[in-house]
Amino acid sequence: MIEILTKKQPWSDKTIPVTITCVLKGDKHPIPSHCSPQLGYVLNQCWEFDAVNRLEFSQLFILLEDIKI
């Protein structure tokens, strides 16, 4: 989804080793400033490191239906 919003590859400003380190530390990709707070919330939930804390598809579907992009 970040590729659609930014028209860039995720973490394009970082090298691959730095990106891996960031992801393993639990860092999340910066939310674009033009994103609505609702979409920012969805992105953050989708990027949870622990799968148990991520949104289920059914939850994601409901949230995305309500967001005006």
Protein backbone atom coordinates (compact mmCIF):
# COMPACT_ATOMS: atom_id res chain seq x y z
CA MET A 1 0.00 0.00 0.00
CA ILE A 2 2.89 2.37 0.74
CA GLU A 3 4.02 2.03 -2.87
CA ILE A 4 0.63 3.26 -4.07
CA LEU A 5 0.62 6.21 -1.69
CA THR A 6 4.21 7.34 -2.30
CA LYS A 7 4.87 6.04 -5.81
CA LYS A 8 8.20 4.78 -4.42
CA GLN A 9 9.57 1.54 -3.06
CA PRO A 10 9.33 1.22 0.71
CA TRP A 11 12.41 2.39 2.61
CA SER A 12 13.89 3.68 -0.67
CA ASP A 13 16.04 6.17 1.25
CA LYS A 14 17.83 3.35 3.12
CA THR A 15 20.23 0.59 2.14
CA ILE A 16 19.03 -3.02 2.34
CA PRO A 17 21.05 -3.81 5.50
CA VAL A 18 19.71 -0.68 7.24
CA THR A 19 16.16 -1.54 6.16
CA ILE A 20 16.50 -5.06 7.57
CA THR A 21 17.82 -3.66 10.86
CA CYS A 22 14.92 -1.19 11.07
CA VAL A 23 12.32 -3.87 10.41
CA LEU A 24 13.85 -6.28 12.91
CA LYS A 25 13.89 -3.53 15.54
CA GLY A 26 10.18 -3.03 14.95
CA ASP A 27 10.50 0.33 13.22
CA LYS A 28 7.63 1.15 10.90
CA HIS A 29 7.76 2.94 7.58
CA PRO A 30 6.95 6.63 7.95
CA ILE A 31 3.33 7.45 7.17
CA PRO A 32 3.08 9.92 4.28
CA SER A 33 1.94 13.36 5.45
CA HIS A 34 -0.97 13.38 2.98
CA CYS A 35 -2.50 10.22 4.52
CA SER A 36 -5.66 10.55 6.52
CA PRO A 37 -5.35 9.62 10.20
CA GLN A 38 -7.64 6.64 9.56
CA LEU A 39 -5.42 5.27 6.81
CA GLY A 40 -2.33 5.93 8.94
CA TYR A 41 -3.91 3.83 11.69
CA VAL A 42 -4.59 0.98 9.24
CA LEU A 43 -1.01 1.09 7.93
CA ASN A 44 0.42 0.99 11.45
CA GLN A 45 -1.78 -1.95 12.37
CA CYS A 46 -0.77 -3.85 9.21
CA TRP A 47 2.90 -3.30 10.01
CA GLU A 48 2.80 -4.77 13.50
CA PHE A 49 5.87 -7.00 13.89
CA ASP A 50 4.00 -9.65 15.87
CA ALA A 51 1.37 -11.25 13.66
CA VAL A 52 -0.94 -11.71 16.65
CA ASN A 53 -1.25 -7.91 16.86
CA ARG A 54 -1.92 -7.35 13.15
CA LEU A 55 -5.37 -6.79 11.74
CA GLU A 56 -7.17 -9.79 10.37
CA PHE A 57 -8.27 -9.47 6.75
CA SER A 58 -11.93 -9.18 7.75
CA GLN A 59 -11.05 -6.26 10.07
CA LEU A 60 -8.91 -4.65 7.40
CA PHE A 61 -11.68 -4.93 4.84
CA ILE A 62 -14.18 -3.20 7.14
CA LEU A 63 -11.77 -0.39 8.01
CA LEU A 64 -10.80 0.24 4.38
CA GLU A 65 -14.44 0.38 3.31
CA ASP A 66 -14.99 3.31 5.67
CA ILE A 67 -11.91 5.32 4.63
CA LYS A 68 -12.16 8.00 2.00
CA ILE A 69 -8.79 8.02 0.23
